[in-house]
Amino acid sequence: MSLKKLVVLFSGEGTNLENIIKKLHKKEFEGKKIEIVKAITNNPHAKGIEKAKNYEIEVEVIDHRNFSSREEFDEILVKSIKKVNPHLVILAGFMRILSPVFTSNIKNAINIHPSLLPLFKGANAIKKSFESQMKVAGVTVHRVSDELDSGEILDQRCFHRDNESFEEFEKKIHQLEYELYPKVIKNLLIN
């Protein structure tokens, strides 16, 4: 049985982190076991810290406010990731724009974005998508690249809009994230 190691980066509630833990952590698929070997957050107050610890996953806090530049932060982040040599790095609500220091050193990293890229890149994507005239909305899993939310698109899911309130719209977006992200991660590690 081969072990496929994941590192998860997060900044907040940890809902995508917990979903990935429940669906993939320490599970076996086709003779391969997936394990989250470390979770890293840039926010010492992130609620996801407790969620990861509940599953006995090592959590490292690297507070970005302790660094004078993105590059300095990314350098320490890269060192931390390389210590455990993961097969894949997952961004799950990691609210940092990564510099080339990260992208040139960590080649196998993916992110989930709450819009149908290439539309509505960056922050507030759910709000921008909700306020748009589009008849569909959805989520995108993509590779992390030098340019924000512009890496290779690996998969997308969408729904037809139906006059939802913002709260209902946001809930549908998160539901798609919870369905799609573990599936893409599993496919990347098993196939």
Protein backbone atom coordinates (compact mmCIF):
# COMPACT_ATOMS: atom_id res chain seq x y z
CA MET A 1 0.00 0.00 0.00
CA SER A 2 1.44 3.36 -1.00
CA LEU A 3 0.89 6.50 1.05
CA LYS A 4 -0.19 9.73 -0.67
CA LYS A 5 0.66 12.72 1.54
CA LEU A 6 -1.30 15.98 1.57
CA VAL A 7 -0.59 19.36 3.11
CA VAL A 8 -3.61 21.64 3.52
CA LEU A 9 -3.31 25.44 3.75
CA PHE A 10 -6.22 27.34 5.33
CA SER A 11 -7.02 30.70 6.91
CA GLY A 12 -10.45 30.59 8.51
CA GLU A 13 -13.35 28.37 9.50
CA GLY A 14 -11.81 25.22 8.06
CA THR A 15 -15.04 23.92 6.51
CA ASN A 16 -13.34 22.75 3.30
CA LEU A 17 -10.49 21.36 5.41
CA GLU A 18 -12.90 19.35 7.56
CA ASN A 19 -14.77 18.11 4.49
CA ILE A 20 -11.50 16.88 2.95
CA ILE A 21 -10.56 15.23 6.26
CA LYS A 22 -13.89 13.39 6.47
CA LYS A 23 -13.85 12.20 2.86
CA LEU A 24 -10.16 11.44 2.26
CA HIS A 25 -7.95 11.47 5.38
CA LYS A 26 -6.63 7.99 6.24
CA LYS A 27 -8.92 6.44 3.61
CA GLU A 28 -7.79 3.82 1.10
CA PHE A 29 -8.54 3.91 -2.61
CA GLU A 30 -7.22 1.33 -5.08
CA GLY A 31 -4.32 0.31 -2.85
CA LYS A 32 -3.36 3.88 -2.01
CA LYS A 33 -3.88 5.55 1.34
CA ILE A 34 -4.41 9.32 1.48
CA GLU A 35 -3.23 11.14 4.58
CA ILE A 36 -3.11 14.81 5.56
CA VAL A 37 0.34 14.98 7.13
CA LYS A 38 0.17 18.66 8.04
CA ALA A 39 -2.22 21.61 8.01
CA ILE A 40 -0.79 25.11 7.90
CA THR A 41 -2.58 28.37 8.63
CA ASN A 42 -1.50 32.00 8.44
CA ASN A 43 -4.12 32.95 11.05
CA PRO A 44 -3.48 32.09 14.72
CA HIS A 45 -7.22 32.54 15.41
CA ALA A 46 -8.49 30.32 12.58
CA LYS A 47 -11.31 28.02 13.69
CA GLY A 48 -9.90 25.35 11.39
CA ILE A 49 -7.02 24.80 13.84
CA GLU A 50 -9.36 23.08 16.30
CA LYS A 51 -11.02 21.08 13.52
CA ALA A 52 -7.66 19.68 12.34
CA LYS A 53 -6.54 18.93 15.90
CA ASN A 54 -9.79 17.00 16.51
CA TYR A 55 -8.52 14.55 13.87
CA GLU A 56 -5.00 14.54 15.34
CA ILE A 57 -3.56 16.35 12.34
CA GLU A 58 -0.44 18.42 12.98
CA VAL A 59 -1.19 22.13 12.63
CA GLU A 60 1.46 24.78 12.12
CA VAL A 61 0.68 28.48 12.49
CA ILE A 62 2.84 30.80 10.37
CA ASP A 63 1.39 34.23 11.06
CA HIS A 64 1.90 36.35 7.94
CA ARG A 65 1.88 39.51 10.06
CA ASN A 66 5.27 38.51 11.47
CA PHE A 67 6.93 38.99 8.07
CA SER A 68 7.92 42.15 6.23
CA SER A 69 7.00 40.82 2.77
CA ARG A 70 4.99 38.14 0.97
CA GLU A 71 8.23 36.62 -0.24
CA GLU A 72 9.62 36.30 3.28
CA PHE A 73 6.39 34.61 4.43
CA ASP A 74 6.34 32.31 1.39
CA GLU A 75 9.95 31.29 2.01
CA ILE A 76 9.08 29.98 5.49
CA LEU A 77 5.87 28.39 4.16
CA VAL A 78 7.81 26.54 1.43
CA LYS A 79 10.38 25.27 3.99
CA SER A 80 7.58 23.97 6.20
CA ILE A 81 5.89 22.17 3.31
CA LYS A 82 9.13 20.66 2.00
CA LYS A 83 9.89 19.14 5.44
CA VAL A 84 7.02 16.65 4.96
CA ASN A 85 7.49 16.22 1.18
CA PRO A 86 3.80 15.97 0.20
CA HIS A 87 2.47 14.63 -3.09
CA LEU A 88 -0.03 17.49 -3.24
CA VAL A 89 -0.62 20.84 -1.52
CA ILE A 90 -4.27 21.86 -1.15
CA LEU A 91 -5.41 25.45 -0.62
CA ALA A 92 -8.70 25.33 1.28
CA GLY A 93 -9.76 28.88 2.04
CA PHE A 94 -6.16 30.08 2.23
CA MET A 95 -6.54 33.85 2.00
CA ARG A 96 -3.06 34.76 0.84
CA ILE A 97 -1.82 35.74 -2.60
CA LEU A 98 1.21 33.53 -3.16
CA SER A 99 4.38 34.91 -4.69
CA PRO A 100 6.75 33.26 -7.20
CA VAL A 101 8.79 32.15 -4.15
CA PHE A 102 5.94 29.69 -3.50
CA THR A 103 4.93 28.87 -7.08
CA SER A 104 8.48 28.19 -8.28
CA ASN A 105 9.17 25.83 -5.36
CA ILE A 106 5.83 24.06 -4.87
CA LYS A 107 4.84 22.69 -8.26
CA ASN A 108 1.92 20.48 -7.25
CA ALA A 109 -0.56 22.79 -5.53
CA ILE A 110 -4.27 23.24 -6.23
CA ASN A 111 -6.97 25.63 -5.09
CA ILE A 112 -10.75 25.76 -5.09
CA HIS A 113 -12.31 29.05 -6.13
CA PRO A 114 -15.99 29.95 -5.57
CA SER A 115 -16.73 31.09 -9.12
CA LEU A 116 -16.54 29.79 -12.66
CA LEU A 117 -13.06 30.94 -13.59
CA PRO A 118 -11.82 32.85 -15.47
CA LEU A 119 -14.70 35.02 -14.19
CA PHE A 120 -14.64 36.73 -10.77
CA LYS A 121 -11.03 36.17 -9.75
CA GLY A 122 -9.72 37.19 -6.35
CA ALA A 123 -11.59 38.15 -3.20
CA ASN A 124 -15.38 38.47 -2.91
CA ALA A 125 -15.96 36.07 -5.82
CA ILE A 126 -19.25 34.78 -4.39
CA LYS A 127 -20.63 38.31 -4.05
CA LYS A 128 -19.42 39.30 -7.54
CA SER A 129 -20.93 36.16 -9.03
CA PHE A 130 -24.22 36.68 -7.17
CA GLU A 131 -24.48 40.27 -8.37
CA SER A 132 -23.73 39.36 -11.99
CA GLN A 133 -26.27 38.79 -14.75
CA MET A 134 -25.07 35.22 -15.32
CA LYS A 135 -27.69 32.46 -15.35
CA VAL A 136 -25.25 29.89 -13.94
CA ALA A 137 -22.81 30.03 -11.05
CA GLY A 138 -20.34 27.56 -9.67
CA VAL A 139 -16.88 26.61 -8.48
CA THR A 140 -13.51 25.86 -10.07
CA VAL A 141 -10.59 23.67 -8.99
CA HIS A 142 -7.37 24.92 -10.56
CA ARG A 143 -3.63 24.59 -10.26
CA VAL A 144 -1.85 27.32 -8.32
CA SER A 145 0.25 29.50 -10.63
CA ASP A 146 2.11 32.82 -10.56
CA GLU A 147 -1.02 34.71 -11.56
CA LEU A 148 -3.93 34.83 -9.10
CA ASP A 149 -6.70 32.32 -9.90
CA SER A 150 -5.26 31.72 -13.37
CA GLY A 151 -3.69 28.25 -13.22
CA GLU A 152 -4.85 25.32 -15.33
CA ILE A 153 -8.53 24.54 -14.68
CA LEU A 154 -8.86 20.94 -13.50
CA ASP A 155 -12.63 20.77 -13.04
CA GLN A 156 -15.73 22.89 -12.53
CA ARG A 157 -19.29 22.44 -11.25
CA CYS A 158 -22.20 24.78 -11.74
CA PHE A 159 -25.88 25.23 -11.01
CA HIS A 160 -28.63 27.14 -12.76
CA ARG A 161 -29.64 30.24 -10.83
CA ASP A 162 -33.18 30.44 -9.53
CA ASN A 163 -33.74 33.82 -7.80
CA GLU A 164 -31.98 32.66 -4.63
CA SER A 165 -31.25 34.98 -1.75
CA PHE A 166 -27.54 35.67 -1.23
CA GLU A 167 -27.51 33.20 1.69
CA GLU A 168 -29.08 30.44 -0.45
CA PHE A 169 -26.67 31.22 -3.30
CA GLU A 170 -23.65 31.05 -0.99
CA LYS A 171 -24.87 27.75 0.48
CA LYS A 172 -25.16 26.24 -3.03
CA ILE A 173 -21.61 27.41 -3.86
CA HIS A 174 -20.22 25.78 -0.70
CA GLN A 175 -22.14 22.57 -1.36
CA LEU A 176 -20.52 22.33 -4.80
CA GLU A 177 -17.09 22.91 -3.22
CA TYR A 178 -17.68 20.07 -0.75
CA GLU A 179 -18.67 17.71 -3.56
CA LEU A 180 -16.04 18.64 -6.16
CA TYR A 181 -12.81 19.29 -4.24
CA PRO A 182 -12.37 15.85 -2.61
CA LYS A 183 -13.18 14.18 -5.95
CA VAL A 184 -10.47 16.15 -7.81
CA ILE A 185 -7.92 15.57 -5.02
CA LYS A 186 -8.61 11.84 -5.02
CA ASN A 187 -8.34 11.62 -8.81
CA LEU A 188 -5.01 13.48 -8.82
CA LEU A 189 -3.54 11.17 -6.17
CA ILE A 190 -4.96 7.83 -7.28
CA ASN A 191 -4.74 8.02 -11.08
